[in-house]
Structures are given as structure tokens and as C-alpha cells.
Amino acid sequence: MKTSSRDLLVLLKDDEMSNQAIEQEVEQLNDMLYQVESADSFCVANEIIDMNKFRIVQDMGSLVQLMYETELKPFVFLYNKN
């Protein structure tokens, strides 16, 4: 199994799974989460609403820059389109 920097709590309904089957299940979960947590997926699902300039920003560069901000400016919102 690949080493990853995340902690996962996996609850299993079947007590009779082998260690290899459990490791395979966790590896598949890590692969799925890696794809979903990419910057591309984040930028597709979110947009910035800036009430100071009355605009909606959807470009990837601005969204990625906003992800690394420690504090948002007043009246600037990160909006999840889901």
C-alpha cells in the first residue's frame, strides 16, 4: 500500500476481510480522494463572489490564490456551486 499523509477511519461491515483486501480498499479510497481533491476539481466546484467590486470570479488562478489566503477580505466570499 502506498504511504499517504492522511488519516482515514474505515468502518467495515464484514469482519472476515483479509488484511490485503482492507489495504486494497484503503488504497482505492486514497486514489478516489486524490482525484476529487485536485485544484481542477476545486475550481470547477467553487467561485469567488467579490461584493466590493460587484463581480463573480471563476478563473483558476484567482481561486487557487484564494485557497492559500489565511484570511479573506471583507465582503469576499468563496461560494460552492454544489
N, C-alpha and C. Protein backbone atom coordinates (compact mmCIF):
# COMPACT_ATOMS: atom_id res chain seq x y z
N MET A 1 0.85 -1.18 0.00
CA MET A 1 0.00 0.00 0.00
C MET A 1 0.89 1.24 0.00
N LYS A 2 0.50 2.24 -0.76
CA LYS A 2 1.24 3.50 -0.81
C LYS A 2 1.09 4.22 0.52
N THR A 3 2.15 4.90 0.92
CA THR A 3 2.04 5.71 2.13
C THR A 3 1.41 7.04 1.74
N SER A 4 0.52 7.52 2.57
CA SER A 4 -0.14 8.79 2.30
C SER A 4 -0.09 9.63 3.56
N SER A 5 -0.35 10.90 3.41
CA SER A 5 -0.28 11.81 4.55
C SER A 5 -1.66 12.12 5.12
N ARG A 6 -2.55 11.18 5.03
CA ARG A 6 -3.89 11.40 5.56
C ARG A 6 -4.26 10.27 6.49
N ASP A 7 -5.15 10.56 7.41
CA ASP A 7 -5.68 9.54 8.30
C ASP A 7 -7.10 9.23 7.85
N LEU A 8 -7.38 7.98 7.65
CA LEU A 8 -8.71 7.55 7.26
C LEU A 8 -9.26 6.61 8.32
N LEU A 9 -10.50 6.80 8.66
CA LEU A 9 -11.20 5.87 9.53
C LEU A 9 -12.15 5.08 8.64
N VAL A 10 -11.88 3.80 8.49
CA VAL A 10 -12.68 2.95 7.61
C VAL A 10 -13.45 1.97 8.48
N LEU A 11 -14.76 2.05 8.43
CA LEU A 11 -15.61 1.12 9.18
C LEU A 11 -16.03 0.01 8.24
N LEU A 12 -15.78 -1.22 8.66
CA LEU A 12 -16.08 -2.37 7.83
C LEU A 12 -17.26 -3.15 8.41
N LYS A 13 -18.16 -3.53 7.54
CA LYS A 13 -19.30 -4.31 7.98
C LYS A 13 -18.95 -5.81 8.01
N ASP A 14 -18.00 -6.19 7.18
CA ASP A 14 -17.61 -7.59 7.05
C ASP A 14 -16.35 -7.84 7.87
N ASP A 15 -16.45 -8.65 8.91
CA ASP A 15 -15.32 -8.96 9.78
C ASP A 15 -14.33 -9.93 9.14
N GLU A 16 -14.72 -10.58 8.08
CA GLU A 16 -13.91 -11.63 7.50
C GLU A 16 -13.03 -11.17 6.35
N MET A 17 -12.84 -9.86 6.19
CA MET A 17 -11.97 -9.35 5.14
C MET A 17 -10.51 -9.57 5.53
N SER A 18 -9.71 -9.96 4.59
CA SER A 18 -8.28 -10.15 4.85
C SER A 18 -7.58 -8.79 4.91
N ASN A 19 -6.39 -8.79 5.46
CA ASN A 19 -5.61 -7.55 5.53
C ASN A 19 -5.32 -7.00 4.14
N GLN A 20 -5.09 -7.88 3.19
CA GLN A 20 -4.81 -7.47 1.81
C GLN A 20 -6.05 -6.79 1.20
N ALA A 21 -7.23 -7.33 1.47
CA ALA A 21 -8.46 -6.73 0.96
C ALA A 21 -8.71 -5.36 1.58
N ILE A 22 -8.40 -5.24 2.88
CA ILE A 22 -8.57 -3.96 3.56
C ILE A 22 -7.60 -2.93 2.99
N GLU A 23 -6.35 -3.31 2.79
CA GLU A 23 -5.36 -2.41 2.22
C GLU A 23 -5.74 -1.97 0.81
N GLN A 24 -6.29 -2.89 0.04
CA GLN A 24 -6.74 -2.56 -1.32
C GLN A 24 -7.89 -1.56 -1.27
N GLU A 25 -8.80 -1.75 -0.34
CA GLU A 25 -9.94 -0.84 -0.18
C GLU A 25 -9.46 0.56 0.20
N VAL A 26 -8.51 0.65 1.13
CA VAL A 26 -7.98 1.95 1.57
C VAL A 26 -7.22 2.61 0.43
N GLU A 27 -6.47 1.84 -0.33
CA GLU A 27 -5.74 2.41 -1.48
C GLU A 27 -6.71 2.96 -2.52
N GLN A 28 -7.81 2.27 -2.78
CA GLN A 28 -8.81 2.77 -3.72
C GLN A 28 -9.45 4.06 -3.20
N LEU A 29 -9.71 4.12 -1.90
CA LEU A 29 -10.26 5.35 -1.32
C LEU A 29 -9.28 6.51 -1.46
N ASN A 30 -8.00 6.26 -1.21
CA ASN A 30 -6.99 7.31 -1.37
C ASN A 30 -6.91 7.80 -2.81
N ASP A 31 -6.96 6.87 -3.78
CA ASP A 31 -6.93 7.26 -5.19
C ASP A 31 -8.15 8.12 -5.55
N MET A 32 -9.32 7.71 -5.07
CA MET A 32 -10.54 8.46 -5.35
C MET A 32 -10.47 9.86 -4.74
N LEU A 33 -10.03 9.95 -3.49
CA LEU A 33 -9.93 11.25 -2.83
C LEU A 33 -8.89 12.14 -3.47
N TYR A 34 -7.79 11.55 -3.95
CA TYR A 34 -6.75 12.33 -4.61
C TYR A 34 -7.31 13.02 -5.86
N GLN A 35 -8.13 12.30 -6.62
CA GLN A 35 -8.71 12.87 -7.84
C GLN A 35 -9.70 13.96 -7.51
N VAL A 36 -10.51 13.76 -6.48
CA VAL A 36 -11.55 14.73 -6.13
C VAL A 36 -10.95 15.98 -5.49
N GLU A 37 -9.85 15.83 -4.76
CA GLU A 37 -9.26 16.96 -4.05
C GLU A 37 -8.28 17.77 -4.88
N SER A 38 -8.23 17.57 -6.18
CA SER A 38 -7.30 18.30 -7.03
C SER A 38 -7.74 19.76 -7.17
N ALA A 39 -6.81 20.60 -7.57
CA ALA A 39 -7.12 22.03 -7.77
C ALA A 39 -8.13 22.21 -8.89
N ASP A 40 -8.06 21.37 -9.94
CA ASP A 40 -9.02 21.48 -11.04
C ASP A 40 -10.44 21.24 -10.55
N SER A 41 -10.62 20.19 -9.74
CA SER A 41 -11.96 19.89 -9.21
C SER A 41 -12.45 21.00 -8.30
N PHE A 42 -11.54 21.55 -7.49
CA PHE A 42 -11.90 22.65 -6.60
C PHE A 42 -12.38 23.86 -7.40
N CYS A 43 -11.67 24.17 -8.48
CA CYS A 43 -12.00 25.35 -9.29
C CYS A 43 -13.30 25.16 -10.07
N VAL A 44 -13.62 23.95 -10.43
CA VAL A 44 -14.89 23.69 -11.12
C VAL A 44 -16.06 23.86 -10.16
N ALA A 45 -15.87 23.48 -8.89
CA ALA A 45 -16.97 23.46 -7.93
C ALA A 45 -17.13 24.76 -7.15
N ASN A 46 -16.19 25.71 -7.28
CA ASN A 46 -16.25 26.94 -6.48
C ASN A 46 -16.07 28.18 -7.35
N GLU A 47 -16.51 29.30 -6.80
CA GLU A 47 -16.28 30.60 -7.42
C GLU A 47 -16.17 31.65 -6.33
N ILE A 48 -15.61 32.78 -6.69
CA ILE A 48 -15.42 33.88 -5.74
C ILE A 48 -16.47 34.94 -6.02
N ILE A 49 -17.16 35.36 -4.97
CA ILE A 49 -18.10 36.47 -5.08
C ILE A 49 -17.47 37.65 -4.34
N ASP A 50 -17.13 38.68 -5.10
CA ASP A 50 -16.49 39.88 -4.55
C ASP A 50 -17.52 41.01 -4.55
N MET A 51 -18.09 41.27 -3.38
CA MET A 51 -19.12 42.31 -3.28
C MET A 51 -18.52 43.71 -3.30
N ASN A 52 -17.21 43.83 -3.06
CA ASN A 52 -16.57 45.14 -3.12
C ASN A 52 -16.53 45.66 -4.55
N LYS A 53 -16.31 44.77 -5.50
CA LYS A 53 -16.23 45.17 -6.91
C LYS A 53 -17.44 44.69 -7.71
N PHE A 54 -18.40 44.09 -7.04
CA PHE A 54 -19.63 43.58 -7.66
C PHE A 54 -19.32 42.67 -8.84
N ARG A 55 -18.55 41.61 -8.57
CA ARG A 55 -18.19 40.68 -9.63
C ARG A 55 -18.11 39.26 -9.09
N ILE A 56 -18.21 38.32 -10.02
CA ILE A 56 -18.04 36.90 -9.72
C ILE A 56 -16.83 36.43 -10.50
N VAL A 57 -15.89 35.81 -9.82
CA VAL A 57 -14.64 35.36 -10.43
C VAL A 57 -14.64 33.84 -10.46
N GLN A 58 -14.35 33.27 -11.65
CA GLN A 58 -14.34 31.82 -11.78
C GLN A 58 -13.02 31.29 -12.33
N ASP A 59 -12.01 32.17 -12.55
CA ASP A 59 -10.77 31.68 -13.16
C ASP A 59 -9.93 30.93 -12.13
N MET A 60 -9.19 29.96 -12.63
CA MET A 60 -8.44 29.04 -11.78
C MET A 60 -7.36 29.75 -10.97
N GLY A 61 -6.66 30.70 -11.56
CA GLY A 61 -5.59 31.39 -10.86
C GLY A 61 -6.07 32.12 -9.62
N SER A 62 -7.17 32.82 -9.75
CA SER A 62 -7.71 33.56 -8.60
C SER A 62 -8.21 32.63 -7.51
N LEU A 63 -8.83 31.52 -7.91
CA LEU A 63 -9.33 30.56 -6.92
C LEU A 63 -8.20 29.88 -6.17
N VAL A 64 -7.15 29.50 -6.88
CA VAL A 64 -6.01 28.86 -6.22
C VAL A 64 -5.32 29.85 -5.29
N GLN A 65 -5.19 31.09 -5.71
CA GLN A 65 -4.59 32.11 -4.86
C GLN A 65 -5.43 32.31 -3.60
N LEU A 66 -6.75 32.30 -3.74
CA LEU A 66 -7.64 32.48 -2.60
C LEU A 66 -7.55 31.30 -1.63
N MET A 67 -7.28 30.10 -2.15
CA MET A 67 -7.16 28.92 -1.29
C MET A 67 -6.05 29.10 -0.28
N TYR A 68 -4.98 29.79 -0.64
CA TYR A 68 -3.83 29.93 0.23
C TYR A 68 -3.87 31.18 1.10
N GLU A 69 -4.93 31.97 0.98
CA GLU A 69 -5.09 33.14 1.83
C GLU A 69 -5.43 32.68 3.25
N THR A 70 -4.82 33.31 4.24
CA THR A 70 -5.14 32.94 5.62
C THR A 70 -6.42 33.62 6.10
N GLU A 71 -6.74 34.76 5.50
CA GLU A 71 -7.93 35.48 5.90
C GLU A 71 -8.50 36.20 4.67
N LEU A 72 -9.80 36.09 4.47
CA LEU A 72 -10.44 36.75 3.34
C LEU A 72 -10.69 38.22 3.66
N LYS A 73 -10.69 39.03 2.62
CA LYS A 73 -11.02 40.44 2.78
C LYS A 73 -12.52 40.53 3.09
N PRO A 74 -12.95 41.64 3.70
CA PRO A 74 -14.38 41.81 3.97
C PRO A 74 -15.20 41.78 2.68
N PHE A 75 -16.31 41.10 2.72
CA PHE A 75 -17.27 41.01 1.62
C PHE A 75 -16.72 40.28 0.40
N VAL A 76 -15.75 39.41 0.60
CA VAL A 76 -15.27 38.50 -0.44
C VAL A 76 -15.60 37.10 0.05
N PHE A 77 -16.38 36.37 -0.75
CA PHE A 77 -16.89 35.07 -0.34
C PHE A 77 -16.45 33.98 -1.30
N LEU A 78 -16.16 32.82 -0.75
CA LEU A 78 -15.92 31.64 -1.54
C LEU A 78 -17.24 30.87 -1.60
N TYR A 79 -17.78 30.72 -2.80
CA TYR A 79 -19.10 30.14 -2.98
C TYR A 79 -18.96 28.77 -3.64
N ASN A 80 -19.52 27.74 -2.99
CA ASN A 80 -19.52 26.40 -3.53
C ASN A 80 -20.77 26.21 -4.38
N LYS A 81 -20.59 25.89 -5.66
CA LYS A 81 -21.70 25.79 -6.59
C LYS A 81 -22.48 24.48 -6.46
N ASN A 82 -21.97 23.56 -5.66
CA ASN A 82 -22.68 22.29 -5.48
C ASN A 82 -23.87 22.52 -4.63
